[in-house]
Amino acid sequence: MRLIVYLISALLMPFAVNGQTGNKEALESYNSAMDKFFKKNYIGAIADFTTTIRHDSGFIQAYENRGVAKYYLQDYRGAVDDFNKALKINPNDYNTYGRRGWAKFYLQDSRGAIEDFTKAIEGGRNDAEYYNIRGRVKYYLQDYKGAMDDFNRVIKFRAGDKEQRSKAFYWRGLIEIDLGQKDDGCLDLRKAGKLGYAKAFELIEVYCQ
């Protein structure tokens, strides 16, 4: 599987900047960690989040944001471990399911990623990015119908902005070409390109001349 790394925008921004705890030492180290996080000092932030957890083992935001910091350092297993701990404290935090899904995606745990993205969507997180990434994972598993359903959701129901729709057209076009539906695939690739997804032009040059 060839994974394409790109930023995840708001889905992996730090969770709950204003952490909640009655422990003064925990709050001080948490605030220090968040300051370091925003300065992209992820190693320092992880150290301070760890100190926070020592002072208050139930401080859920510290686990969540330590997981995000580990994610940005590409420590995906460490991120999953922290997201697991956060979900043990609050199993109804659907944002964290989405974050864990991204970490599992980069660990190539495709089925686990699909389960987490589905959980996030079922919890009301109808972000187009979840549908797009879940569709990509299904595509890698050769579940073309399931992938098409996710991309159609973004395209037909306007679940996403211009950028997300361009990605959905691109991946739907790729599936159509894989299935021998060249005309439909090329049409979707051109729509993706028109919406600003530059990578679409690479496939147009190969398949649609």
Protein backbone atom coordinates (compact mmCIF):
# COMPACT_ATOMS: atom_id res chain seq x y z
CA MET A 1 0.00 0.00 0.00
CA ARG A 2 1.36 3.41 -0.95
CA LEU A 3 0.34 6.01 1.59
CA ILE A 4 0.19 9.70 0.75
CA VAL A 5 1.09 11.91 3.70
CA TYR A 6 -0.73 15.23 4.02
CA LEU A 7 -1.85 17.47 6.84
CA ILE A 8 -5.11 16.69 8.55
CA SER A 9 -6.22 20.23 9.35
CA ALA A 10 -8.67 20.56 12.23
CA LEU A 11 -9.14 16.83 12.76
CA LEU A 12 -5.81 16.58 14.55
CA MET A 13 -5.58 19.98 16.14
CA PRO A 14 -4.97 19.84 19.89
CA PHE A 15 -8.08 18.93 21.81
CA ALA A 16 -9.51 21.14 24.56
CA VAL A 17 -6.87 23.82 24.92
CA ASN A 18 -8.25 24.72 28.33
CA GLY A 19 -7.77 21.47 30.19
CA GLN A 20 -9.93 20.65 33.17
CA THR A 21 -8.45 19.41 36.44
CA GLY A 22 -8.52 20.34 40.07
CA ASN A 23 -4.82 19.58 40.46
CA LYS A 24 -2.76 22.78 40.31
CA GLU A 25 0.50 21.04 39.36
CA ALA A 26 -1.23 19.08 36.62
CA LEU A 27 -2.76 22.25 35.17
CA GLU A 28 0.57 24.08 35.22
CA SER A 29 2.37 21.30 33.35
CA TYR A 30 -0.55 20.96 30.93
CA ASN A 31 -0.46 24.66 30.08
CA SER A 32 3.31 24.40 29.58
CA ALA A 33 2.76 21.41 27.29
CA MET A 34 0.20 23.27 25.20
CA ASP A 35 2.53 26.24 24.83
CA LYS A 36 5.27 23.93 23.57
CA PHE A 37 2.81 22.12 21.31
CA PHE A 38 1.79 25.32 19.52
CA LYS A 39 5.48 26.13 19.06
CA LYS A 40 5.84 22.68 17.44
CA ASN A 41 8.15 21.51 20.22
CA TYR A 42 6.41 18.15 20.29
CA ILE A 43 9.09 16.34 22.27
CA GLY A 44 8.92 18.96 25.01
CA ALA A 45 5.12 18.88 24.93
CA ILE A 46 5.08 15.11 25.35
CA ALA A 47 7.36 15.39 28.39
CA ASP A 48 5.06 17.96 29.99
CA PHE A 49 1.91 16.00 29.16
CA THR A 50 3.53 12.99 30.84
CA THR A 51 4.18 15.10 33.93
CA THR A 52 0.56 16.21 33.83
CA ILE A 53 -0.62 12.60 33.80
CA ARG A 54 1.62 11.77 36.77
CA HIS A 55 -0.15 14.49 38.74
CA ASP A 56 -3.63 13.54 37.50
CA SER A 57 -4.01 10.13 35.86
CA GLY A 58 -7.57 10.96 34.81
CA PHE A 59 -6.70 14.11 32.86
CA ILE A 60 -8.20 13.06 29.54
CA GLN A 61 -7.02 16.06 27.50
CA ALA A 62 -3.42 15.28 28.42
CA TYR A 63 -3.73 11.77 26.93
CA GLU A 64 -5.48 13.09 23.82
CA ASN A 65 -3.00 15.86 23.13
CA ARG A 66 0.01 13.71 23.96
CA GLY A 67 -1.37 11.32 21.35
CA VAL A 68 -1.63 14.15 18.82
CA ALA A 69 1.97 15.22 19.56
CA LYS A 70 3.16 11.64 19.07
CA TYR A 71 1.19 11.51 15.82
CA TYR A 72 3.04 14.53 14.48
CA LEU A 73 6.32 12.83 15.39
CA GLN A 74 5.10 9.80 13.40
CA ASP A 75 4.98 7.67 16.56
CA TYR A 76 1.69 6.20 15.45
CA ARG A 77 1.73 3.27 17.86
CA GLY A 78 2.34 5.63 20.75
CA ALA A 79 -0.50 7.83 19.51
CA VAL A 80 -2.88 4.86 19.35
CA ASP A 81 -1.90 3.90 22.89
CA ASP A 82 -2.73 7.38 24.19
CA PHE A 83 -6.00 7.55 22.26
CA ASN A 84 -6.91 4.15 23.72
CA LYS A 85 -6.32 5.53 27.22
CA ALA A 86 -8.43 8.59 26.49
CA LEU A 87 -11.26 6.43 25.14
CA LYS A 88 -11.11 4.24 28.23
CA ILE A 89 -11.90 7.37 30.25
CA ASN A 90 -14.55 8.61 27.81
CA PRO A 91 -15.68 5.97 25.28
CA ASN A 92 -18.08 8.45 23.69
CA ASP A 93 -15.46 10.91 22.46
CA TYR A 94 -15.95 10.55 18.73
CA ASN A 95 -13.24 13.07 17.86
CA THR A 96 -10.73 10.73 19.44
CA TYR A 97 -12.03 7.80 17.40
CA GLY A 98 -11.30 9.86 14.31
CA ARG A 99 -7.79 10.70 15.50
CA ARG A 100 -7.10 7.07 16.33
CA GLY A 101 -8.38 6.14 12.88
CA TRP A 102 -5.75 8.36 11.28
CA ALA A 103 -2.98 6.80 13.36
CA LYS A 104 -4.19 3.31 12.44
CA PHE A 105 -4.30 4.37 8.79
CA TYR A 106 -0.58 5.14 8.85
CA LEU A 107 0.07 1.87 10.67
CA GLN A 108 -1.67 0.18 7.72
CA ASP A 109 -4.30 -1.22 10.08
CA SER A 110 -6.93 -0.72 7.38
CA ARG A 111 -9.85 -2.48 9.02
CA GLY A 112 -9.15 -0.84 12.36
CA ALA A 113 -9.03 2.56 10.67
CA ILE A 114 -12.37 1.94 8.93
CA GLU A 115 -13.95 0.95 12.25
CA ASP A 116 -12.73 4.14 13.92
CA PHE A 117 -13.74 6.44 11.07
CA THR A 118 -17.16 4.77 11.03
CA LYS A 119 -17.46 5.28 14.78
CA ALA A 120 -16.60 8.96 14.36
CA ILE A 121 -19.19 9.37 11.59
CA GLU A 122 -21.86 7.53 13.58
CA GLY A 123 -21.14 9.83 16.50
CA GLY A 124 -22.12 12.83 14.42
CA ARG A 125 -18.74 13.76 12.96
CA ASN A 126 -19.95 14.06 9.38
CA ASP A 127 -16.73 15.62 8.16
CA ALA A 128 -16.17 15.03 4.46
CA GLU A 129 -12.56 14.20 5.26
CA TYR A 130 -13.70 11.13 7.21
CA TYR A 131 -15.71 9.90 4.23
CA ASN A 132 -12.82 10.57 1.87
CA ILE A 133 -10.21 8.81 3.96
CA ARG A 134 -12.55 5.90 4.73
CA GLY A 135 -13.22 5.61 1.01
CA ARG A 136 -9.50 5.49 0.30
CA VAL A 137 -8.97 2.72 2.83
CA LYS A 138 -11.84 0.73 1.31
CA TYR A 139 -10.26 1.25 -2.10
CA TYR A 140 -6.98 -0.21 -0.83
CA LEU A 141 -8.98 -3.22 0.41
CA GLN A 142 -10.59 -3.47 -3.06
CA ASP A 143 -14.02 -2.74 -1.61
CA TYR A 144 -14.86 -0.60 -4.62
CA LYS A 145 -18.57 -0.36 -3.91
CA GLY A 146 -17.97 0.77 -0.34
CA ALA A 147 -15.37 3.27 -1.50
CA MET A 148 -17.70 4.66 -4.18
CA ASP A 149 -20.47 5.06 -1.61
CA ASP A 150 -18.19 7.21 0.55
CA PHE A 151 -16.97 9.37 -2.33
CA ASN A 152 -20.54 9.76 -3.61
CA ARG A 153 -21.54 10.98 -0.18
CA VAL A 154 -19.07 13.83 -0.44
CA ILE A 155 -19.95 14.65 -4.06
CA LYS A 156 -23.72 14.24 -4.18
CA PHE A 157 -24.67 15.42 -0.72
CA ARG A 158 -22.19 18.29 -0.63
CA ALA A 159 -20.72 16.98 2.59
CA GLY A 160 -17.48 18.80 1.97
CA ASP A 161 -15.93 21.97 0.73
CA LYS A 162 -14.30 22.46 -2.67
CA GLU A 163 -11.07 20.75 -1.64
CA GLN A 164 -12.82 17.69 -0.25
CA ARG A 165 -15.07 17.36 -3.31
CA SER A 166 -12.02 17.54 -5.56
CA LYS A 167 -10.47 14.61 -3.69
CA ALA A 168 -13.71 12.63 -3.92
CA PHE A 169 -13.89 13.17 -7.70
CA TYR A 170 -10.24 12.13 -8.03
CA TRP A 171 -10.62 8.87 -6.14
CA ARG A 172 -13.96 8.04 -7.74
CA GLY A 173 -12.35 8.62 -11.12
CA LEU A 174 -9.48 6.33 -10.21
CA ILE A 175 -11.89 3.56 -9.24
CA GLU A 176 -13.88 3.98 -12.46
CA ILE A 177 -10.70 3.67 -14.52
CA ASP A 178 -9.67 0.59 -12.54
CA LEU A 179 -13.08 -0.91 -13.32
CA GLY A 180 -12.73 -0.18 -17.04
CA GLN A 181 -15.13 2.77 -17.03
CA LYS A 182 -12.67 5.09 -18.74
CA ASP A 183 -15.09 7.77 -19.94
CA ASP A 184 -16.68 8.20 -16.51
CA GLY A 185 -13.29 8.07 -14.84
CA CYS A 186 -11.77 10.72 -17.08
CA LEU A 187 -14.80 12.95 -16.57
CA ASP A 188 -14.36 12.73 -12.80
CA LEU A 189 -10.63 13.36 -13.03
CA ARG A 190 -11.27 16.49 -15.07
CA LYS A 191 -13.79 17.66 -12.47
CA ALA A 192 -11.18 17.06 -9.77
CA GLY A 193 -8.63 19.06 -11.73
CA LYS A 194 -11.08 21.88 -12.34
CA LEU A 195 -11.70 22.07 -8.59
CA GLY A 196 -7.99 22.45 -8.00
CA TYR A 197 -6.72 18.92 -7.33
CA ALA A 198 -3.50 19.13 -9.34
CA LYS A 199 -2.66 15.44 -9.01
CA ALA A 200 -5.64 14.64 -11.22
CA PHE A 201 -3.80 16.02 -14.25
CA GLU A 202 -1.13 13.35 -13.88
CA LEU A 203 -3.72 10.61 -14.38
CA ILE A 204 -5.48 12.55 -17.14
CA GLU A 205 -2.21 12.64 -19.05
CA VAL A 206 -1.79 8.89 -18.67
CA TYR A 207 -5.35 7.63 -19.22
CA CYS A 208 -7.40 10.35 -20.88
CA GLN A 209 -5.54 11.52 -23.97
